[in-house]
Amino acid sequence: TFWHFSDLHFRTTDDFDRARVLTALWNDVRRQIDEGLIP
């Protein structure tokens, strides 16, 4: 099992709510780990 994160394109300023996107991503990662999926 592997997780692949690509082309993150971090900027010093964003025209969208990056924190909202990253929070959703990390919540999904935590859920998968809680369900036993360890990459």
PDB file of all heavy atoms in Angstrom:
ATOM      1  N   THR A   1       0.841  -1.192   0.000  1.00  0.00           N
ATOM      2  CA  THR A   1       0.000   0.000   0.000  1.00  0.00           C
ATOM      3  C   THR A   1       0.877   1.243   0.000  1.00  0.00           C
ATOM      4  O   THR A   1       1.860   1.310   0.729  1.00  0.00           O
ATOM      5  CB  THR A   1      -0.896   0.016   1.257  1.00  0.00           C
ATOM      6  OG1 THR A   1      -1.691  -1.166   1.265  1.00  0.00           O
ATOM      7  CG2 THR A   1      -1.800   1.227   1.259  1.00  0.00           C
ATOM      8  N   PHE A   2       0.524   2.203  -0.858  1.00  0.00           N
ATOM      9  CA  PHE A   2       1.258   3.466  -0.828  1.00  0.00           C
ATOM     10  C   PHE A   2       0.296   4.629  -1.005  1.00  0.00           C
ATOM     11  O   PHE A   2      -0.768   4.497  -1.591  1.00  0.00           O
ATOM     12  CB  PHE A   2       2.376   3.505  -1.878  1.00  0.00           C
ATOM     13  CG  PHE A   2       1.908   3.532  -3.301  1.00  0.00           C
ATOM     14  CD1 PHE A   2       1.714   4.734  -3.958  1.00  0.00           C
ATOM     15  CD2 PHE A   2       1.673   2.354  -3.995  1.00  0.00           C
ATOM     16  CE1 PHE A   2       1.290   4.757  -5.275  1.00  0.00           C
ATOM     17  CE2 PHE A   2       1.247   2.380  -5.305  1.00  0.00           C
ATOM     18  CZ  PHE A   2       1.057   3.581  -5.955  1.00  0.00           C
ATOM     19  N   TRP A   3       0.702   5.762  -0.448  1.00  0.00           N
ATOM     20  CA  TRP A   3      -0.016   7.015  -0.641  1.00  0.00           C
ATOM     21  C   TRP A   3       0.857   7.897  -1.506  1.00  0.00           C
ATOM     22  O   TRP A   3       2.065   7.987  -1.299  1.00  0.00           O
ATOM     23  CB  TRP A   3      -0.292   7.719   0.682  1.00  0.00           C
ATOM     24  CG  TRP A   3      -1.351   7.050   1.511  1.00  0.00           C
ATOM     25  CD1 TRP A   3      -2.333   6.228   1.070  1.00  0.00           C
ATOM     26  CD2 TRP A   3      -1.509   7.143   2.914  1.00  0.00           C
ATOM     27  NE1 TRP A   3      -3.110   5.815   2.115  1.00  0.00           N
ATOM     28  CE2 TRP A   3      -2.629   6.365   3.265  1.00  0.00           C
ATOM     29  CE3 TRP A   3      -0.835   7.819   3.913  1.00  0.00           C
ATOM     30  CZ2 TRP A   3      -3.076   6.247   4.569  1.00  0.00           C
ATOM     31  CZ3 TRP A   3      -1.284   7.698   5.215  1.00  0.00           C
ATOM     32  CH2 TRP A   3      -2.392   6.918   5.528  1.00  0.00           C
ATOM     33  N   HIS A   4       0.247   8.550  -2.468  1.00  0.00           N
ATOM     34  CA  HIS A   4       0.981   9.404  -3.389  1.00  0.00           C
ATOM     35  C   HIS A   4       0.367  10.796  -3.374  1.00  0.00           C
ATOM     36  O   HIS A   4      -0.799  10.975  -3.707  1.00  0.00           O
ATOM     37  CB  HIS A   4       0.917   8.807  -4.803  1.00  0.00           C
ATOM     38  CG  HIS A   4       1.653   9.618  -5.806  1.00  0.00           C
ATOM     39  ND1 HIS A   4       1.345   9.574  -7.150  1.00  0.00           N
ATOM     40  CD2 HIS A   4       2.684  10.484  -5.691  1.00  0.00           C
ATOM     41  CE1 HIS A   4       2.155  10.397  -7.808  1.00  0.00           C
ATOM     42  NE2 HIS A   4       2.968  10.955  -6.927  1.00  0.00           N
ATOM     43  N   PHE A   5       1.153  11.765  -2.965  1.00  0.00           N
ATOM     44  CA  PHE A   5       0.742  13.162  -2.963  1.00  0.00           C
ATOM     45  C   PHE A   5       1.581  13.864  -4.019  1.00  0.00           C
ATOM     46  O   PHE A   5       2.810  13.770  -4.008  1.00  0.00           O
ATOM     47  CB  PHE A   5       0.991  13.806  -1.592  1.00  0.00           C
ATOM     48  CG  PHE A   5       0.288  13.094  -0.468  1.00  0.00           C
ATOM     49  CD1 PHE A   5       0.960  12.161   0.309  1.00  0.00           C
ATOM     50  CD2 PHE A   5      -1.037  13.344  -0.198  1.00  0.00           C
ATOM     51  CE1 PHE A   5       0.321  11.501   1.347  1.00  0.00           C
ATOM     52  CE2 PHE A   5      -1.695  12.692   0.842  1.00  0.00           C
ATOM     53  CZ  PHE A   5      -1.011  11.761   1.607  1.00  0.00           C
ATOM     54  N   SER A   6       0.947  14.565  -4.930  1.00  0.00           N
ATOM     55  CA  SER A   6       1.687  15.141  -6.053  1.00  0.00           C
ATOM     56  C   SER A   6       1.267  16.580  -6.324  1.00  0.00           C
ATOM     57  O   SER A   6       0.092  16.945  -6.171  1.00  0.00           O
ATOM     58  CB  SER A   6       1.456  14.296  -7.306  1.00  0.00           C
ATOM     59  OG  SER A   6       2.211  14.798  -8.379  1.00  0.00           O
ATOM     60  N   ASP A   7       2.245  17.359  -6.755  1.00  0.00           N
ATOM     61  CA  ASP A   7       2.013  18.739  -7.211  1.00  0.00           C
ATOM     62  C   ASP A   7       1.226  19.563  -6.200  1.00  0.00           C
ATOM     63  O   ASP A   7       0.141  20.069  -6.483  1.00  0.00           O
ATOM     64  CB  ASP A   7       1.322  18.736  -8.578  1.00  0.00           C
ATOM     65  CG  ASP A   7       2.227  18.162  -9.647  1.00  0.00           C
ATOM     66  OD1 ASP A   7       3.317  18.732  -9.850  1.00  0.00           O
ATOM     67  OD2 ASP A   7       1.867  17.147 -10.258  1.00  0.00           O
ATOM     68  N   LEU A   8       1.802  19.735  -5.032  1.00  0.00           N
ATOM     69  CA  LEU A   8       1.136  20.460  -3.953  1.00  0.00           C
ATOM     70  C   LEU A   8       1.100  21.966  -4.196  1.00  0.00           C
ATOM     71  O   LEU A   8       0.180  22.643  -3.762  1.00  0.00           O
ATOM     72  CB  LEU A   8       1.832  20.158  -2.626  1.00  0.00           C
ATOM     73  CG  LEU A   8       1.854  18.672  -2.264  1.00  0.00           C
ATOM     74  CD1 LEU A   8       2.730  18.441  -1.044  1.00  0.00           C
ATOM     75  CD2 LEU A   8       0.453  18.145  -2.052  1.00  0.00           C
ATOM     76  N   HIS A   9       2.111  22.496  -4.860  1.00  0.00           N
ATOM     77  CA  HIS A   9       2.157  23.908  -5.266  1.00  0.00           C
ATOM     78  C   HIS A   9       1.866  24.881  -4.121  1.00  0.00           C
ATOM     79  O   HIS A   9       1.012  25.760  -4.240  1.00  0.00           O
ATOM     80  CB  HIS A   9       1.191  24.185  -6.424  1.00  0.00           C
ATOM     81  CG  HIS A   9       1.597  23.532  -7.695  1.00  0.00           C
ATOM     82  ND1 HIS A   9       2.456  24.129  -8.589  1.00  0.00           N
ATOM     83  CD2 HIS A   9       1.273  22.326  -8.221  1.00  0.00           C
ATOM     84  CE1 HIS A   9       2.642  23.315  -9.617  1.00  0.00           C
ATOM     85  NE2 HIS A   9       1.938  22.219  -9.419  1.00  0.00           N
ATOM     86  N   PHE A  10       2.582  24.740  -3.021  1.00  0.00           N
ATOM     87  CA  PHE A  10       2.417  25.691  -1.920  1.00  0.00           C
ATOM     88  C   PHE A  10       2.862  27.074  -2.358  1.00  0.00           C
ATOM     89  O   PHE A  10       3.860  27.230  -3.041  1.00  0.00           O
ATOM     90  CB  PHE A  10       3.228  25.245  -0.701  1.00  0.00           C
ATOM     91  CG  PHE A  10       2.487  24.278   0.163  1.00  0.00           C
ATOM     92  CD1 PHE A  10       2.516  22.923  -0.114  1.00  0.00           C
ATOM     93  CD2 PHE A  10       1.750  24.720   1.246  1.00  0.00           C
ATOM     94  CE1 PHE A  10       1.827  22.021   0.680  1.00  0.00           C
ATOM     95  CE2 PHE A  10       1.058  23.831   2.042  1.00  0.00           C
ATOM     96  CZ  PHE A  10       1.097  22.479   1.762  1.00  0.00           C
ATOM     97  N   ARG A  11       2.095  28.082  -1.970  1.00  0.00           N
ATOM     98  CA  ARG A  11       2.410  29.479  -2.248  1.00  0.00           C
ATOM     99  C   ARG A  11       2.476  30.229  -0.924  1.00  0.00           C
ATOM    100  O   ARG A  11       1.979  29.746   0.090  1.00  0.00           O
ATOM    101  CB  ARG A  11       1.313  30.122  -3.105  1.00  0.00           C
ATOM    102  CG  ARG A  11       1.107  29.465  -4.433  1.00  0.00           C
ATOM    103  CD  ARG A  11      -0.048  30.096  -5.138  1.00  0.00           C
ATOM    104  NE  ARG A  11       0.491  31.030  -6.129  1.00  0.00           N
ATOM    105  CZ  ARG A  11      -0.222  31.588  -7.066  1.00  0.00           C
ATOM    106  NH1 ARG A  11      -1.515  31.380  -7.131  1.00  0.00           N
ATOM    107  NH2 ARG A  11       0.335  32.388  -7.929  1.00  0.00           N
ATOM    108  N   THR A  12       3.043  31.410  -0.972  1.00  0.00           N
ATOM    109  CA  THR A  12       3.049  32.221   0.248  1.00  0.00           C
ATOM    110  C   THR A  12       1.668  32.809   0.501  1.00  0.00           C
ATOM    111  O   THR A  12       1.300  33.070   1.637  1.00  0.00           O
ATOM    112  CB  THR A  12       4.102  33.344   0.163  1.00  0.00           C
ATOM    113  OG1 THR A  12       3.902  34.079  -1.039  1.00  0.00           O
ATOM    114  CG2 THR A  12       5.505  32.766   0.177  1.00  0.00           C
ATOM    115  N   THR A  13       0.889  33.023  -0.547  1.00  0.00           N
ATOM    116  CA  THR A  13      -0.503  33.464  -0.415  1.00  0.00           C
ATOM    117  C   THR A  13      -1.355  32.591  -1.324  1.00  0.00           C
ATOM    118  O   THR A  13      -0.884  32.082  -2.339  1.00  0.00           O
ATOM    119  CB  THR A  13      -0.685  34.927  -0.833  1.00  0.00           C
ATOM    120  OG1 THR A  13      -0.287  35.083  -2.195  1.00  0.00           O
ATOM    121  CG2 THR A  13       0.136  35.852   0.040  1.00  0.00           C
ATOM    122  N   ASP A  14      -2.596  32.410  -0.948  1.00  0.00           N
ATOM    123  CA  ASP A  14      -3.507  31.571  -1.733  1.00  0.00           C
ATOM    124  C   ASP A  14      -4.801  32.321  -1.993  1.00  0.00           C
ATOM    125  O   ASP A  14      -5.232  33.135  -1.185  1.00  0.00           O
ATOM    126  CB  ASP A  14      -3.848  30.280  -0.978  1.00  0.00           C
ATOM    127  CG  ASP A  14      -2.674  29.334  -0.889  1.00  0.00           C
ATOM    128  OD1 ASP A  14      -1.982  29.151  -1.903  1.00  0.00           O
ATOM    129  OD2 ASP A  14      -2.458  28.773   0.190  1.00  0.00           O
ATOM    130  N   ASP A  15      -5.441  31.991  -3.104  1.00  0.00           N
ATOM    131  CA  ASP A  15      -6.756  32.550  -3.372  1.00  0.00           C
ATOM    132  C   ASP A  15      -7.851  31.527  -3.060  1.00  0.00           C
ATOM    133  O   ASP A  15      -8.958  31.622  -3.539  1.00  0.00           O
ATOM    134  CB  ASP A  15      -6.855  33.052  -4.821  1.00  0.00           C
ATOM    135  CG  ASP A  15      -6.384  32.031  -5.832  1.00  0.00           C
ATOM    136  OD1 ASP A  15      -5.921  30.950  -5.432  1.00  0.00           O
ATOM    137  OD2 ASP A  15      -6.478  32.321  -7.036  1.00  0.00           O
ATOM    138  N   PHE A  16      -7.506  30.544  -2.232  1.00  0.00           N
ATOM    139  CA  PHE A  16      -8.490  29.596  -1.733  1.00  0.00           C
ATOM    140  C   PHE A  16      -8.097  29.237  -0.303  1.00  0.00           C
ATOM    141  O   PHE A  16      -7.007  29.579   0.154  1.00  0.00           O
ATOM    142  CB  PHE A  16      -8.581  28.345  -2.623  1.00  0.00           C
ATOM    143  CG  PHE A  16      -7.392  27.431  -2.511  1.00  0.00           C
ATOM    144  CD1 PHE A  16      -7.436  26.320  -1.693  1.00  0.00           C
ATOM    145  CD2 PHE A  16      -6.228  27.669  -3.232  1.00  0.00           C
ATOM    146  CE1 PHE A  16      -6.343  25.465  -1.585  1.00  0.00           C
ATOM    147  CE2 PHE A  16      -5.141  26.818  -3.134  1.00  0.00           C
ATOM    148  CZ  PHE A  16      -5.199  25.726  -2.309  1.00  0.00           C
ATOM    149  N   ASP A  17      -8.958  28.559   0.400  1.00  0.00           N
ATOM    150  CA  ASP A  17      -8.720  28.215   1.801  1.00  0.00           C
ATOM    151  C   ASP A  17      -7.936  26.908   1.885  1.00  0.00           C
ATOM    152  O   ASP A  17      -8.509  25.827   1.990  1.00  0.00           O
ATOM    153  CB  ASP A  17     -10.055  28.115   2.537  1.00  0.00           C
ATOM    154  CG  ASP A  17      -9.892  27.954   4.037  1.00  0.00           C
ATOM    155  OD1 ASP A  17      -8.740  27.829   4.514  1.00  0.00           O
ATOM    156  OD2 ASP A  17     -10.927  27.963   4.722  1.00  0.00           O
ATOM    157  N   ARG A  18      -6.608  27.018   1.815  1.00  0.00           N
ATOM    158  CA  ARG A  18      -5.751  25.834   1.851  1.00  0.00           C
ATOM    159  C   ARG A  18      -5.952  25.039   3.143  1.00  0.00           C
ATOM    160  O   ARG A  18      -5.928  23.810   3.133  1.00  0.00           O
ATOM    161  CB  ARG A  18      -4.284  26.215   1.695  1.00  0.00           C
ATOM    162  CG  ARG A  18      -3.346  25.013   1.655  1.00  0.00           C
ATOM    163  CD  ARG A  18      -1.912  25.404   1.392  1.00  0.00           C
ATOM    164  NE  ARG A  18      -1.740  26.098   0.135  1.00  0.00           N
ATOM    165  CZ  ARG A  18      -1.565  25.488  -1.041  1.00  0.00           C
ATOM    166  NH1 ARG A  18      -1.575  24.190  -1.115  1.00  0.00           N
ATOM    167  NH2 ARG A  18      -1.409  26.192  -2.130  1.00  0.00           N
ATOM    168  N   ALA A  19      -6.162  25.722   4.268  1.00  0.00           N
ATOM    169  CA  ALA A  19      -6.353  25.029   5.540  1.00  0.00           C
ATOM    170  C   ALA A  19      -7.559  24.093   5.478  1.00  0.00           C
ATOM    171  O   ALA A  19      -7.522  22.987   6.013  1.00  0.00           O
ATOM    172  CB  ALA A  19      -6.522  26.033   6.673  1.00  0.00           C
ATOM    173  N   ARG A  20      -8.598  24.516   4.792  1.00  0.00           N
ATOM    174  CA  ARG A  20      -9.798  23.669   4.666  1.00  0.00           C
ATOM    175  C   ARG A  20      -9.475  22.394   3.876  1.00  0.00           C
ATOM    176  O   ARG A  20      -9.899  21.296   4.231  1.00  0.00           O
ATOM    177  CB  ARG A  20     -10.899  24.465   3.969  1.00  0.00           C
ATOM    178  CG  ARG A  20     -12.179  23.741   3.859  1.00  0.00           C
ATOM    179  CD  ARG A  20     -13.233  24.632   3.252  1.00  0.00           C
ATOM    180  NE  ARG A  20     -14.512  23.956   3.300  1.00  0.00           N
ATOM    181  CZ  ARG A  20     -15.651  24.525   3.058  1.00  0.00           C
ATOM    182  NH1 ARG A  20     -15.699  25.799   2.755  1.00  0.00           N
ATOM    183  NH2 ARG A  20     -16.771  23.843   3.097  1.00  0.00           N
ATOM    184  N   VAL A  21      -8.719  22.556   2.811  1.00  0.00           N
ATOM    185  CA  VAL A  21      -8.346  21.402   1.979  1.00  0.00           C
ATOM    186  C   VAL A  21      -7.434  20.459   2.761  1.00  0.00           C
ATOM    187  O   VAL A  21      -7.637  19.238   2.770  1.00  0.00           O
ATOM    188  CB  VAL A  21      -7.668  21.875   0.672  1.00  0.00           C
ATOM    189  CG1 VAL A  21      -7.138  20.703  -0.122  1.00  0.00           C
ATOM    190  CG2 VAL A  21      -8.633  22.704  -0.153  1.00  0.00           C
ATOM    191  N   LEU A  22      -6.412  21.013   3.425  1.00  0.00           N
ATOM    192  CA  LEU A  22      -5.480  20.175   4.173  1.00  0.00           C
ATOM    193  C   LEU A  22      -6.164  19.489   5.352  1.00  0.00           C
ATOM    194  O   LEU A  22      -5.864  18.332   5.654  1.00  0.00           O
ATOM    195  CB  LEU A  22      -4.282  21.001   4.652  1.00  0.00           C
ATOM    196  CG  LEU A  22      -3.323  21.449   3.553  1.00  0.00           C
ATOM    197  CD1 LEU A  22      -2.243  22.357   4.126  1.00  0.00           C
ATOM    198  CD2 LEU A  22      -2.705  20.262   2.835  1.00  0.00           C
ATOM    199  N   THR A  23      -7.085  20.171   6.006  1.00  0.00           N
ATOM    200  CA  THR A  23      -7.824  19.550   7.105  1.00  0.00           C
ATOM    201  C   THR A  23      -8.618  18.351   6.606  1.00  0.00           C
ATOM    202  O   THR A  23      -8.620  17.287   7.228  1.00  0.00           O
ATOM    203  CB  THR A  23      -8.754  20.577   7.783  1.00  0.00           C
ATOM    204  OG1 THR A  23      -7.947  21.614   8.349  1.00  0.00           O
ATOM    205  CG2 THR A  23      -9.599  19.937   8.867  1.00  0.00           C
ATOM    206  N   ALA A  24      -9.284  18.500   5.477  1.00  0.00           N
ATOM    207  CA  ALA A  24     -10.041  17.381   4.900  1.00  0.00           C
ATOM    208  C   ALA A  24      -9.100  16.228   4.536  1.00  0.00           C
ATOM    209  O   ALA A  24      -9.422  15.058   4.776  1.00  0.00           O
ATOM    210  CB  ALA A  24     -10.815  17.849   3.676  1.00  0.00           C
ATOM    211  N   LEU A  25      -7.951  16.559   3.966  1.00  0.00           N
ATOM    212  CA  LEU A  25      -6.978  15.515   3.608  1.00  0.00           C
ATOM    213  C   LEU A  25      -6.512  14.762   4.841  1.00  0.00           C
ATOM    214  O   LEU A  25      -6.527  13.531   4.879  1.00  0.00           O
ATOM    215  CB  LEU A  25      -5.780  16.141   2.879  1.00  0.00           C
ATOM    216  CG  LEU A  25      -4.606  15.189   2.628  1.00  0.00           C
ATOM    217  CD1 LEU A  25      -5.001  14.090   1.646  1.00  0.00           C
ATOM    218  CD2 LEU A  25      -3.404  15.971   2.119  1.00  0.00           C
ATOM    219  N   TRP A  26      -6.083  15.508   5.879  1.00  0.00           N
ATOM    220  CA  TRP A  26      -5.572  14.840   7.083  1.00  0.00           C
ATOM    221  C   TRP A  26      -6.668  14.080   7.813  1.00  0.00           C
ATOM    222  O   TRP A  26      -6.402  13.032   8.412  1.00  0.00           O
ATOM    223  CB  TRP A  26      -4.883  15.840   7.997  1.00  0.00           C
ATOM    224  CG  TRP A  26      -3.614  16.367   7.400  1.00  0.00           C
ATOM    225  CD1 TRP A  26      -3.255  17.673   7.266  1.00  0.00           C
ATOM    226  CD2 TRP A  26      -2.537  15.618   6.816  1.00  0.00           C
ATOM    227  NE1 TRP A  26      -2.031  17.769   6.642  1.00  0.00           N
ATOM    228  CE2 TRP A  26      -1.573  16.524   6.352  1.00  0.00           C
ATOM    229  CE3 TRP A  26      -2.309  14.260   6.621  1.00  0.00           C
ATOM    230  CZ2 TRP A  26      -0.397  16.122   5.730  1.00  0.00           C
ATOM    231  CZ3 TRP A  26      -1.138  13.854   5.991  1.00  0.00           C
ATOM    232  CH2 TRP A  26      -0.200  14.779   5.554  1.00  0.00           C
ATOM    233  N   ASN A  27      -7.905  14.546   7.771  1.00  0.00           N
ATOM    234  CA  ASN A  27      -9.008  13.785   8.363  1.00  0.00           C
ATOM    235  C   ASN A  27      -9.180  12.449   7.649  1.00  0.00           C
ATOM    236  O   ASN A  27      -9.421  11.422   8.282  1.00  0.00           O
ATOM    237  CB  ASN A  27     -10.308  14.578   8.327  1.00  0.00           C
ATOM    238  CG  ASN A  27     -10.339  15.694   9.351  1.00  0.00           C
ATOM    239  OD1 ASN A  27      -9.562  15.691  10.318  1.00  0.00           O
ATOM    240  ND2 ASN A  27     -11.212  16.666   9.156  1.00  0.00           N
ATOM    241  N   ASP A  28      -9.051  12.455   6.328  1.00  0.00           N
ATOM    242  CA  ASP A  28      -9.168  11.208   5.567  1.00  0.00           C
ATOM    243  C   ASP A  28      -7.996  10.272   5.862  1.00  0.00           C
ATOM    244  O   ASP A  28      -8.182   9.063   6.013  1.00  0.00           O
ATOM    245  CB  ASP A  28      -9.250  11.508   4.066  1.00  0.00           C
ATOM    246  CG  ASP A  28      -9.564  10.266   3.263  1.00  0.00           C
ATOM    247  OD1 ASP A  28     -10.527   9.558   3.608  1.00  0.00           O
ATOM    248  OD2 ASP A  28      -8.825   9.986   2.300  1.00  0.00           O
ATOM    249  N   VAL A  29      -6.799  10.835   5.966  1.00  0.00           N
ATOM    250  CA  VAL A  29      -5.627  10.013   6.308  1.00  0.00           C
ATOM    251  C   VAL A  29      -5.834   9.361   7.679  1.00  0.00           C
ATOM    252  O   VAL A  29      -5.612   8.160   7.845  1.00  0.00           O
ATOM    253  CB  VAL A  29      -4.338  10.866   6.271  1.00  0.00           C
ATOM    254  CG1 VAL A  29      -3.187  10.160   6.944  1.00  0.00           C
ATOM    255  CG2 VAL A  29      -3.982  11.227   4.832  1.00  0.00           C
ATOM    256  N   ARG A  30      -6.269  10.159   8.660  1.00  0.00           N
ATOM    257  CA  ARG A  30      -6.516   9.607  10.001  1.00  0.00           C
ATOM    258  C   ARG A  30      -7.582   8.508   9.969  1.00  0.00           C
ATOM    259  O   ARG A  30      -7.459   7.478  10.630  1.00  0.00           O
ATOM    260  CB  ARG A  30      -6.952  10.706  10.962  1.00  0.00           C
ATOM    261  CG  ARG A  30      -5.819  11.526  11.483  1.00  0.00           C
ATOM    262  CD  ARG A  30      -6.296  12.496  12.585  1.00  0.00           C
ATOM    263  NE  ARG A  30      -5.471  13.667  12.556  1.00  0.00           N
ATOM    264  CZ  ARG A  30      -5.739  14.804  11.919  1.00  0.00           C
ATOM    265  NH1 ARG A  30      -6.868  14.940  11.267  1.00  0.00           N
ATOM    266  NH2 ARG A  30      -4.903  15.808  11.936  1.00  0.00           N
ATOM    267  N   ARG A  31      -8.651   8.728   9.194  1.00  0.00           N
ATOM    268  CA  ARG A  31      -9.721   7.727   9.093  1.00  0.00           C
ATOM    269  C   ARG A  31      -9.176   6.429   8.529  1.00  0.00           C
ATOM    270  O   ARG A  31      -9.480   5.341   9.038  1.00  0.00           O
ATOM    271  CB  ARG A  31     -10.858   8.256   8.208  1.00  0.00           C
ATOM    272  CG  ARG A  31     -12.012   7.261   8.047  1.00  0.00           C
ATOM    273  CD  ARG A  31     -12.991   7.718   6.973  1.00  0.00           C
ATOM    274  NE  ARG A  31     -12.378   7.932   5.680  1.00  0.00           N
ATOM    275  CZ  ARG A  31     -12.021   6.961   4.826  1.00  0.00           C
ATOM    276  NH1 ARG A  31     -12.191   5.693   5.153  1.00  0.00           N
ATOM    277  NH2 ARG A  31     -11.483   7.255   3.661  1.00  0.00           N
ATOM    278  N   GLN A  32      -8.375   6.522   7.486  1.00  0.00           N
ATOM    279  CA  GLN A  32      -7.817   5.314   6.881  1.00  0.00           C
ATOM    280  C   GLN A  32      -6.911   4.569   7.863  1.00  0.00           C
ATOM    281  O   GLN A  32      -6.954   3.336   7.942  1.00  0.00           O
ATOM    282  CB  GLN A  32      -7.051   5.671   5.607  1.00  0.00           C
ATOM    283  CG  GLN A  32      -7.971   6.115   4.486  1.00  0.00           C
ATOM    284  CD  GLN A  32      -7.234   6.363   3.204  1.00  0.00           C
ATOM    285  OE1 GLN A  32      -6.407   5.566   2.795  1.00  0.00           O
ATOM    286  NE2 GLN A  32      -7.525   7.486   2.555  1.00  0.00           N
ATOM    287  N   ILE A  33      -6.107   5.318   8.608  1.00  0.00           N
ATOM    288  CA  ILE A  33      -5.241   4.681   9.604  1.00  0.00           C
ATOM    289  C   ILE A  33      -6.089   4.023  10.691  1.00  0.00           C
ATOM    290  O   ILE A  33      -5.821   2.881  11.092  1.00  0.00           O
ATOM    291  CB  ILE A  33      -4.258   5.697  10.199  1.00  0.00           C
ATOM    292  CG1 ILE A  33      -3.226   6.103   9.138  1.00  0.00           C
ATOM    293  CG2 ILE A  33      -3.571   5.145  11.438  1.00  0.00           C
ATOM    294  CD1 ILE A  33      -2.332   7.255   9.528  1.00  0.00           C
ATOM    295  N   ASP A  34      -7.119   4.716  11.149  1.00  0.00           N
ATOM    296  CA  ASP A  34      -8.016   4.157  12.169  1.00  0.00           C
ATOM    297  C   ASP A  34      -8.686   2.880  11.691  1.00  0.00           C
ATOM    298  O   ASP A  34      -8.998   1.994  12.492  1.00  0.00           O
ATOM    299  CB  ASP A  34      -9.078   5.176  12.583  1.00  0.00           C
ATOM    300  CG  ASP A  34      -8.510   6.327  13.397  1.00  0.00           C
ATOM    301  OD1 ASP A  34      -7.355   6.223  13.878  1.00  0.00           O
ATOM    302  OD2 ASP A  34      -9.220   7.355  13.527  1.00  0.00           O
ATOM    303  N   GLU A  35      -8.916   2.777  10.382  1.00  0.00           N
ATOM    304  CA  GLU A  35      -9.537   1.587   9.809  1.00  0.00           C
ATOM    305  C   GLU A  35      -8.510   0.504   9.487  1.00  0.00           C
ATOM    306  O   GLU A  35      -8.853  -0.536   8.927  1.00  0.00           O
ATOM    307  CB  GLU A  35     -10.318   1.964   8.553  1.00  0.00           C
ATOM    308  CG  GLU A  35     -11.542   2.817   8.861  1.00  0.00           C
ATOM    309  CD  GLU A  35     -12.271   3.299   7.622  1.00  0.00           C
ATOM    310  OE1 GLU A  35     -11.842   2.978   6.483  1.00  0.00           O
ATOM    311  OE2 GLU A  35     -13.284   4.012   7.779  1.00  0.00           O
ATOM    312  N   GLY A  36      -7.245   0.746   9.838  1.00  0.00           N
ATOM    313  CA  GLY A  36      -6.220  -0.282   9.683  1.00  0.00           C
ATOM    314  C   GLY A  36      -5.373  -0.180   8.428  1.00  0.00           C
ATOM    315  O   GLY A  36      -4.531  -1.039   8.181  1.00  0.00           O
ATOM    316  N   LEU A  37      -5.569   0.846   7.627  1.00  0.00           N
ATOM    317  CA  LEU A  37      -4.776   0.996   6.407  1.00  0.00           C
ATOM    318  C   LEU A  37      -3.514   1.781   6.735  1.00  0.00           C
ATOM    319  O   LEU A  37      -3.552   2.982   6.960  1.00  0.00           O
ATOM    320  CB  LEU A  37      -5.566   1.719   5.321  1.00  0.00           C
ATOM    321  CG  LEU A  37      -4.825   1.927   4.002  1.00  0.00           C
ATOM    322  CD1 LEU A  37      -4.505   0.593   3.349  1.00  0.00           C
ATOM    323  CD2 LEU A  37      -5.632   2.787   3.067  1.00  0.00           C
ATOM    324  N   ILE A  38      -2.408   1.096   6.785  1.00  0.00           N
ATOM    325  CA  ILE A  38      -1.116   1.713   7.049  1.00  0.00           C
ATOM    326  C   ILE A  38      -0.275   1.562   5.780  1.00  0.00           C
ATOM    327  O   ILE A  38      -0.021   0.453   5.330  1.00  0.00           O
ATOM    328  CB  ILE A  38      -0.391   1.037   8.234  1.00  0.00           C
ATOM    329  CG1 ILE A  38      -1.294   0.966   9.459  1.00  0.00           C
ATOM    330  CG2 ILE A  38       0.927   1.736   8.530  1.00  0.00           C
ATOM    331  CD1 ILE A  38      -1.681   2.311  10.035  1.00  0.00           C
ATOM    332  N   PRO A  39       0.145   2.685   5.178  1.00  0.00           N
ATOM    333  CA  PRO A  39       0.892   2.573   3.927  1.00  0.00           C
ATOM    334  C   PRO A  39       2.302   2.022   4.158  1.00  0.00           C
ATOM    335  O   PRO A  39       2.922   2.277   5.187  1.00  0.00           O
ATOM    336  CB  PRO A  39       0.958   4.014   3.424  1.00  0.00           C
ATOM    337  CG  PRO A  39       0.894   4.836   4.659  1.00  0.00           C
ATOM    338  CD  PRO A  39      -0.011   4.081   5.590  1.00  0.00           C
TER     339      PRO A  39
END
